[in-house]
């Protein structure tokens, strides 16, 4: 139920993110702020981000597109679970690294001054999940993978939402067919996770400085 509510909220946020500048406040009270990146950055007004010096990272749901699941109905449940685990683990590693580099202490439980980071990997579409590195079974594709990455930020003590970063990873179109494999699929996802973790760090740094001025 919680994931369903969050998904509904994200649809509203995305609508706001793509709407004219006159509509800058989301349904849950976040205000869109300028960003030099091609991502949506939303923040709760009047929140002093300098109060946070620790972060706890919540478990990361990984949700494949429904159409993708229908197309790849023959993938066994344990394979899907393994893919979800690998993607979640990679995203967590990138977030932990970026936030630690920003001076936050990464902890396992909430406490005073703790920011709860809730990442989501949504609408995952891996074009060639069965791609093999075997030379005789090479797979080529002209369309890249895609997903929607969301990082929600909450005051861990009150559970009040204070920020949201949305990164829509659009499928890249290749003029020439590209070799695909499990390694390339994982590498593409890792780049997207790394970028999103960096955007999250940058957004927090800006929020902290602005509230301290």
C-alpha atoms as a PDB file:
ATOM      1  CA  UNK A   1       0.000   0.000   0.000  1.00  0.00           C
ATOM      2  CA  UNK A   2       2.823   2.417   0.879  1.00  0.00           C
ATOM      3  CA  UNK A   3       4.499   1.844  -2.486  1.00  0.00           C
ATOM      4  CA  UNK A   4       1.169   2.438  -4.234  1.00  0.00           C
ATOM      5  CA  UNK A   5       0.679   5.728  -2.388  1.00  0.00           C
ATOM      6  CA  UNK A   6       4.218   6.816  -3.250  1.00  0.00           C
ATOM      7  CA  UNK A   7       3.699   5.897  -6.903  1.00  0.00           C
ATOM      8  CA  UNK A   8       0.522   7.987  -6.992  1.00  0.00           C
ATOM      9  CA  UNK A   9       2.374  10.900  -5.400  1.00  0.00           C
ATOM     10  CA  UNK A  10       5.180  10.589  -7.940  1.00  0.00           C
ATOM     11  CA  UNK A  11       2.732  10.837 -10.821  1.00  0.00           C
ATOM     12  CA  UNK A  12       1.512  14.125  -9.358  1.00  0.00           C
ATOM     13  CA  UNK A  13       5.071  15.332  -8.856  1.00  0.00           C
ATOM     14  CA  UNK A  14       6.035  14.437 -12.417  1.00  0.00           C
ATOM     15  CA  UNK A  15       3.015  16.298 -13.733  1.00  0.00           C
ATOM     16  CA  UNK A  16       4.152  19.345 -11.777  1.00  0.00           C
ATOM     17  CA  UNK A  17       7.732  18.887 -12.965  1.00  0.00           C
ATOM     18  CA  UNK A  18       6.607  19.018 -16.587  1.00  0.00           C
ATOM     19  CA  UNK A  19       4.025  21.784 -16.120  1.00  0.00           C
ATOM     20  CA  UNK A  20       4.500  25.531 -16.656  1.00  0.00           C
ATOM     21  CA  UNK A  21       6.379  27.482 -14.001  1.00  0.00           C
ATOM     22  CA  UNK A  22       3.113  28.742 -12.502  1.00  0.00           C
ATOM     23  CA  UNK A  23       2.554  25.265 -10.993  1.00  0.00           C
ATOM     24  CA  UNK A  24       5.579  24.683  -8.799  1.00  0.00           C
ATOM     25  CA  UNK A  25       4.086  23.169  -5.651  1.00  0.00           C
ATOM     26  CA  UNK A  26       3.384  19.442  -5.421  1.00  0.00           C
ATOM     27  CA  UNK A  27       0.405  17.866  -3.714  1.00  0.00           C
ATOM     28  CA  UNK A  28       2.530  17.033  -0.664  1.00  0.00           C
ATOM     29  CA  UNK A  29       3.821  20.596  -0.275  1.00  0.00           C
ATOM     30  CA  UNK A  30       7.204  20.413  -1.963  1.00  0.00           C
ATOM     31  CA  UNK A  31       8.381  23.331  -4.073  1.00  0.00           C
ATOM     32  CA  UNK A  32      10.369  22.829  -7.218  1.00  0.00           C
ATOM     33  CA  UNK A  33      13.753  24.551  -7.065  1.00  0.00           C
ATOM     34  CA  UNK A  34      16.141  25.414  -9.919  1.00  0.00           C
ATOM     35  CA  UNK A  35      18.628  22.734 -10.910  1.00  0.00           C
ATOM     36  CA  UNK A  36      21.482  22.781 -13.394  1.00  0.00           C
ATOM     37  CA  UNK A  37      20.828  19.093 -14.046  1.00  0.00           C
ATOM     38  CA  UNK A  38      18.081  17.539 -16.150  1.00  0.00           C
ATOM     39  CA  UNK A  39      16.312  16.301 -13.064  1.00  0.00           C
ATOM     40  CA  UNK A  40      13.384  17.421 -10.966  1.00  0.00           C
ATOM     41  CA  UNK A  41      14.450  18.744  -7.562  1.00  0.00           C
ATOM     42  CA  UNK A  42      11.741  19.506  -5.005  1.00  0.00           C
ATOM     43  CA  UNK A  43      12.155  20.789  -1.475  1.00  0.00           C
ATOM     44  CA  UNK A  44      10.014  21.603   1.530  1.00  0.00           C
ATOM     45  CA  UNK A  45      10.095  25.337   2.290  1.00  0.00           C
ATOM     46  CA  UNK A  46      11.538  26.636   5.549  1.00  0.00           C
ATOM     47  CA  UNK A  47      13.373  23.392   6.365  1.00  0.00           C
ATOM     48  CA  UNK A  48      16.915  23.930   7.757  1.00  0.00           C
ATOM     49  CA  UNK A  49      18.871  21.149   6.073  1.00  0.00           C
ATOM     50  CA  UNK A  50      21.908  22.020   8.185  1.00  0.00           C
ATOM     51  CA  UNK A  51      20.237  20.100  11.026  1.00  0.00           C
ATOM     52  CA  UNK A  52      20.953  16.805   9.273  1.00  0.00           C
ATOM     53  CA  UNK A  53      24.374  15.233   9.720  1.00  0.00           C
ATOM     54  CA  UNK A  54      23.456  11.548   9.447  1.00  0.00           C
ATOM     55  CA  UNK A  55      21.544   9.532   6.867  1.00  0.00           C
ATOM     56  CA  UNK A  56      19.790   6.185   6.977  1.00  0.00           C
ATOM     57  CA  UNK A  57      19.055   4.567   3.623  1.00  0.00           C
ATOM     58  CA  UNK A  58      15.800   2.631   3.406  1.00  0.00           C
ATOM     59  CA  UNK A  59      15.396  -0.663   1.504  1.00  0.00           C
ATOM     60  CA  UNK A  60      15.218   0.015  -2.222  1.00  0.00           C
ATOM     61  CA  UNK A  61      12.225  -1.300  -4.204  1.00  0.00           C
ATOM     62  CA  UNK A  62      12.981  -2.248  -7.809  1.00  0.00           C
ATOM     63  CA  UNK A  63       9.898  -2.363 -10.034  1.00  0.00           C
ATOM     64  CA  UNK A  64       9.924  -3.498 -13.656  1.00  0.00           C
ATOM     65  CA  UNK A  65       7.508  -2.062 -16.195  1.00  0.00           C
ATOM     66  CA  UNK A  66       4.333  -4.127 -16.471  1.00  0.00           C
ATOM     67  CA  UNK A  67       4.729  -4.314 -20.245  1.00  0.00           C
ATOM     68  CA  UNK A  68       8.304  -5.549 -19.782  1.00  0.00           C
ATOM     69  CA  UNK A  69       7.138  -8.277 -17.413  1.00  0.00           C
ATOM     70  CA  UNK A  70       4.523  -9.390 -19.935  1.00  0.00           C
ATOM     71  CA  UNK A  71       7.099  -9.473 -22.712  1.00  0.00           C
ATOM     72  CA  UNK A  72       9.510 -11.501 -20.585  1.00  0.00           C
ATOM     73  CA  UNK A  73       6.995 -13.788 -18.923  1.00  0.00           C
ATOM     74  CA  UNK A  74       9.390 -16.716 -19.274  1.00  0.00           C
ATOM     75  CA  UNK A  75      11.918 -15.229 -16.824  1.00  0.00           C
ATOM     76  CA  UNK A  76      11.837 -17.251 -13.643  1.00  0.00           C
ATOM     77  CA  UNK A  77      11.006 -15.622 -10.322  1.00  0.00           C
ATOM     78  CA  UNK A  78      14.433 -16.303  -8.840  1.00  0.00           C
ATOM     79  CA  UNK A  79      16.069 -14.593 -11.845  1.00  0.00           C
ATOM     80  CA  UNK A  80      13.878 -11.529 -11.398  1.00  0.00           C
ATOM     81  CA  UNK A  81      14.613 -11.436  -7.668  1.00  0.00           C
ATOM     82  CA  UNK A  82      18.338 -11.691  -8.346  1.00  0.00           C
ATOM     83  CA  UNK A  83      18.160  -8.818 -10.851  1.00  0.00           C
ATOM     84  CA  UNK A  84      16.219  -6.698  -8.371  1.00  0.00           C
ATOM     85  CA  UNK A  85      18.747  -7.440  -5.651  1.00  0.00           C
ATOM     86  CA  UNK A  86      21.702  -6.549  -7.864  1.00  0.00           C
ATOM     87  CA  UNK A  87      20.144  -3.263  -8.964  1.00  0.00           C
ATOM     88  CA  UNK A  88      19.140  -2.287  -5.427  1.00  0.00           C
ATOM     89  CA  UNK A  89      22.602  -3.111  -4.090  1.00  0.00           C
ATOM     90  CA  UNK A  90      24.320  -1.040  -6.793  1.00  0.00           C
ATOM     91  CA  UNK A  91      22.080   1.982  -6.156  1.00  0.00           C
ATOM     92  CA  UNK A  92      22.687   1.753  -2.400  1.00  0.00           C
ATOM     93  CA  UNK A  93      26.457   1.623  -2.898  1.00  0.00           C
ATOM     94  CA  UNK A  94      26.410   4.759  -5.037  1.00  0.00           C
ATOM     95  CA  UNK A  95      24.247   6.655  -2.559  1.00  0.00           C
ATOM     96  CA  UNK A  96      26.357   5.608   0.423  1.00  0.00           C
ATOM     97  CA  UNK A  97      29.532   6.707  -1.354  1.00  0.00           C
ATOM     98  CA  UNK A  98      28.216  10.120  -2.449  1.00  0.00           C
ATOM     99  CA  UNK A  99      26.565  10.944   0.876  1.00  0.00           C
ATOM    100  CA  UNK A 100      29.617   9.867   2.857  1.00  0.00           C
ATOM    101  CA  UNK A 101      31.787  12.066   0.628  1.00  0.00           C
ATOM    102  CA  UNK A 102      29.423  14.942   1.397  1.00  0.00           C
ATOM    103  CA  UNK A 103      30.164  14.547   5.111  1.00  0.00           C
ATOM    104  CA  UNK A 104      27.093  12.598   6.190  1.00  0.00           C
ATOM    105  CA  UNK A 105      27.458   9.670   8.544  1.00  0.00           C
ATOM    106  CA  UNK A 106      25.663   6.667   7.060  1.00  0.00           C
ATOM    107  CA  UNK A 107      23.874   4.871   9.918  1.00  0.00           C
ATOM    108  CA  UNK A 108      21.574   1.879  10.271  1.00  0.00           C
ATOM    109  CA  UNK A 109      18.915   3.405  12.527  1.00  0.00           C
ATOM    110  CA  UNK A 110      17.207   6.776  12.797  1.00  0.00           C
ATOM    111  CA  UNK A 111      17.994   9.307  15.497  1.00  0.00           C
ATOM    112  CA  UNK A 112      18.284  13.071  16.038  1.00  0.00           C
ATOM    113  CA  UNK A 113      19.693  14.883  13.022  1.00  0.00           C
ATOM    114  CA  UNK A 114      19.061  11.935  10.744  1.00  0.00           C
ATOM    115  CA  UNK A 115      17.765  12.201   7.206  1.00  0.00           C
ATOM    116  CA  UNK A 116      15.901   9.159   5.915  1.00  0.00           C
ATOM    117  CA  UNK A 117      16.769   8.527   2.278  1.00  0.00           C
ATOM    118  CA  UNK A 118      14.130   6.499   0.433  1.00  0.00           C
ATOM    119  CA  UNK A 119      15.310   5.516  -3.072  1.00  0.00           C
ATOM    120  CA  UNK A 120      13.102   3.893  -5.710  1.00  0.00           C
ATOM    121  CA  UNK A 121      13.974   2.195  -8.988  1.00  0.00           C
ATOM    122  CA  UNK A 122      10.800   2.274 -11.062  1.00  0.00           C
ATOM    123  CA  UNK A 123       9.617   1.427 -14.587  1.00  0.00           C
ATOM    124  CA  UNK A 124      12.751  -0.590 -15.283  1.00  0.00           C
ATOM    125  CA  UNK A 125      13.005  -1.601 -18.945  1.00  0.00           C
ATOM    126  CA  UNK A 126      16.025  -3.720 -19.847  1.00  0.00           C
ATOM    127  CA  UNK A 127      15.927  -4.159 -23.606  1.00  0.00           C
ATOM    128  CA  UNK A 128      17.966  -7.359 -23.758  1.00  0.00           C
ATOM    129  CA  UNK A 129      17.867  -9.094 -20.339  1.00  0.00           C
ATOM    130  CA  UNK A 130      18.944 -12.409 -21.860  1.00  0.00           C
ATOM    131  CA  UNK A 131      21.886 -10.954 -23.745  1.00  0.00           C
ATOM    132  CA  UNK A 132      24.886 -13.254 -23.607  1.00  0.00           C
ATOM    133  CA  UNK A 133      28.609 -12.551 -23.742  1.00  0.00           C
ATOM    134  CA  UNK A 134      29.090 -15.751 -25.762  1.00  0.00           C
ATOM    135  CA  UNK A 135      30.429 -14.828 -29.193  1.00  0.00           C
ATOM    136  CA  UNK A 136      28.052 -17.165 -31.013  1.00  0.00           C
ATOM    137  CA  UNK A 137      25.075 -15.748 -29.178  1.00  0.00           C
ATOM    138  CA  UNK A 138      25.761 -12.007 -29.361  1.00  0.00           C
ATOM    139  CA  UNK A 139      22.777  -9.687 -28.973  1.00  0.00           C
ATOM    140  CA  UNK A 140      22.628  -6.267 -30.602  1.00  0.00           C
ATOM    141  CA  UNK A 141      20.168  -3.481 -29.934  1.00  0.00           C
ATOM    142  CA  UNK A 142      19.512   0.017 -31.243  1.00  0.00           C
ATOM    143  CA  UNK A 143      17.633   1.192 -28.151  1.00  0.00           C
ATOM    144  CA  UNK A 144      19.076   1.653 -24.669  1.00  0.00           C
ATOM    145  CA  UNK A 145      17.631   0.725 -21.315  1.00  0.00           C
ATOM    146  CA  UNK A 146      15.409   3.055 -19.306  1.00  0.00           C
ATOM    147  CA  UNK A 147      14.109   3.545 -15.774  1.00  0.00           C
ATOM    148  CA  UNK A 148      12.815   6.168 -13.383  1.00  0.00           C
ATOM    149  CA  UNK A 149      14.949   6.879 -10.329  1.00  0.00           C
ATOM    150  CA  UNK A 150      13.451   8.669  -7.364  1.00  0.00           C
ATOM    151  CA  UNK A 151      15.053   9.664  -4.072  1.00  0.00           C
ATOM    152  CA  UNK A 152      12.687  10.864  -1.364  1.00  0.00           C
ATOM    153  CA  UNK A 153      14.107  12.617   1.690  1.00  0.00           C
ATOM    154  CA  UNK A 154      12.392  12.607   5.071  1.00  0.00           C
ATOM    155  CA  UNK A 155      13.159  13.904   8.519  1.00  0.00           C
ATOM    156  CA  UNK A 156      13.721  10.520  10.161  1.00  0.00           C
ATOM    157  CA  UNK A 157      12.350  11.673  13.526  1.00  0.00           C
ATOM    158  CA  UNK A 158       9.045  13.091  12.279  1.00  0.00           C
ATOM    159  CA  UNK A 159       8.835  11.199   8.935  1.00  0.00           C
ATOM    160  CA  UNK A 160       7.909  14.513   7.304  1.00  0.00           C
ATOM    161  CA  UNK A 161       8.952  14.615   3.667  1.00  0.00           C
ATOM    162  CA  UNK A 162      11.484  17.374   3.015  1.00  0.00           C
ATOM    163  CA  UNK A 163      12.729  16.698  -0.500  1.00  0.00           C
ATOM    164  CA  UNK A 164      12.521  14.664  -3.672  1.00  0.00           C
ATOM    165  CA  UNK A 165      14.857  14.141  -6.619  1.00  0.00           C
ATOM    166  CA  UNK A 166      13.512  12.586  -9.826  1.00  0.00           C
ATOM    167  CA  UNK A 167      15.754  11.369 -12.623  1.00  0.00           C
ATOM    168  CA  UNK A 168      14.026  10.027 -15.728  1.00  0.00           C
ATOM    169  CA  UNK A 169      16.560   7.839 -17.516  1.00  0.00           C
ATOM    170  CA  UNK A 170      15.321   7.923 -21.101  1.00  0.00           C
ATOM    171  CA  UNK A 171      16.199   5.159 -23.593  1.00  0.00           C
ATOM    172  CA  UNK A 172      19.052   6.213 -25.833  1.00  0.00           C
ATOM    173  CA  UNK A 173      18.587   5.656 -29.560  1.00  0.00           C
ATOM    174  CA  UNK A 174      21.687   4.382 -31.381  1.00  0.00           C
ATOM    175  CA  UNK A 175      22.402   5.057 -35.026  1.00  0.00           C
ATOM    176  CA  UNK A 176      24.362   1.807 -35.160  1.00  0.00           C
ATOM    177  CA  UNK A 177      23.365  -1.370 -33.346  1.00  0.00           C
ATOM    178  CA  UNK A 178      25.193  -1.805 -30.066  1.00  0.00           C
ATOM    179  CA  UNK A 179      26.408  -5.040 -28.498  1.00  0.00           C
ATOM    180  CA  UNK A 180      24.418  -5.866 -25.365  1.00  0.00           C
ATOM    181  CA  UNK A 181      25.287  -8.202 -22.513  1.00  0.00           C
ATOM    182  CA  UNK A 182      24.640  -8.641 -18.816  1.00  0.00           C
ATOM    183  CA  UNK A 183      27.779  -6.587 -18.204  1.00  0.00           C
ATOM    184  CA  UNK A 184      26.598  -3.705 -20.394  1.00  0.00           C
ATOM    185  CA  UNK A 185      23.117  -3.808 -18.837  1.00  0.00           C
ATOM    186  CA  UNK A 186      24.579  -3.612 -15.356  1.00  0.00           C
ATOM    187  CA  UNK A 187      27.029  -0.916 -16.449  1.00  0.00           C
ATOM    188  CA  UNK A 188      24.250   1.262 -17.859  1.00  0.00           C
ATOM    189  CA  UNK A 189      22.282   0.966 -14.621  1.00  0.00           C
ATOM    190  CA  UNK A 190      25.363   1.731 -12.560  1.00  0.00           C
ATOM    191  CA  UNK A 191      25.941   4.967 -14.478  1.00  0.00           C
ATOM    192  CA  UNK A 192      22.327   6.015 -13.886  1.00  0.00           C
ATOM    193  CA  UNK A 193      22.629   5.231 -10.171  1.00  0.00           C
ATOM    194  CA  UNK A 194      25.914   7.111  -9.912  1.00  0.00           C
ATOM    195  CA  UNK A 195      24.442  10.181 -11.595  1.00  0.00           C
ATOM    196  CA  UNK A 196      21.338  10.158  -9.415  1.00  0.00           C
ATOM    197  CA  UNK A 197      23.388   9.765  -6.240  1.00  0.00           C
ATOM    198  CA  UNK A 198      25.526  12.720  -7.314  1.00  0.00           C
ATOM    199  CA  UNK A 199      22.440  14.819  -8.070  1.00  0.00           C
ATOM    200  CA  UNK A 200      21.123  13.972  -4.602  1.00  0.00           C
ATOM    201  CA  UNK A 201      24.358  15.075  -2.962  1.00  0.00           C
ATOM    202  CA  UNK A 202      24.403  18.298  -4.974  1.00  0.00           C
ATOM    203  CA  UNK A 203      20.770  19.057  -4.085  1.00  0.00           C
ATOM    204  CA  UNK A 204      21.493  18.526  -0.390  1.00  0.00           C
ATOM    205  CA  UNK A 205      24.586  20.720  -0.537  1.00  0.00           C
ATOM    206  CA  UNK A 206      22.610  23.534  -2.139  1.00  0.00           C
ATOM    207  CA  UNK A 207      19.748  23.180   0.343  1.00  0.00           C
ATOM    208  CA  UNK A 208      22.143  23.242   3.272  1.00  0.00           C
ATOM    209  CA  UNK A 209      23.981  26.356   2.075  1.00  0.00           C
ATOM    210  CA  UNK A 210      20.800  28.242   1.219  1.00  0.00           C
ATOM    211  CA  UNK A 211      19.294  27.584   4.633  1.00  0.00           C
ATOM    212  CA  UNK A 212      22.515  28.629   6.374  1.00  0.00           C
ATOM    213  CA  UNK A 213      22.750  31.978   4.509  1.00  0.00           C
END
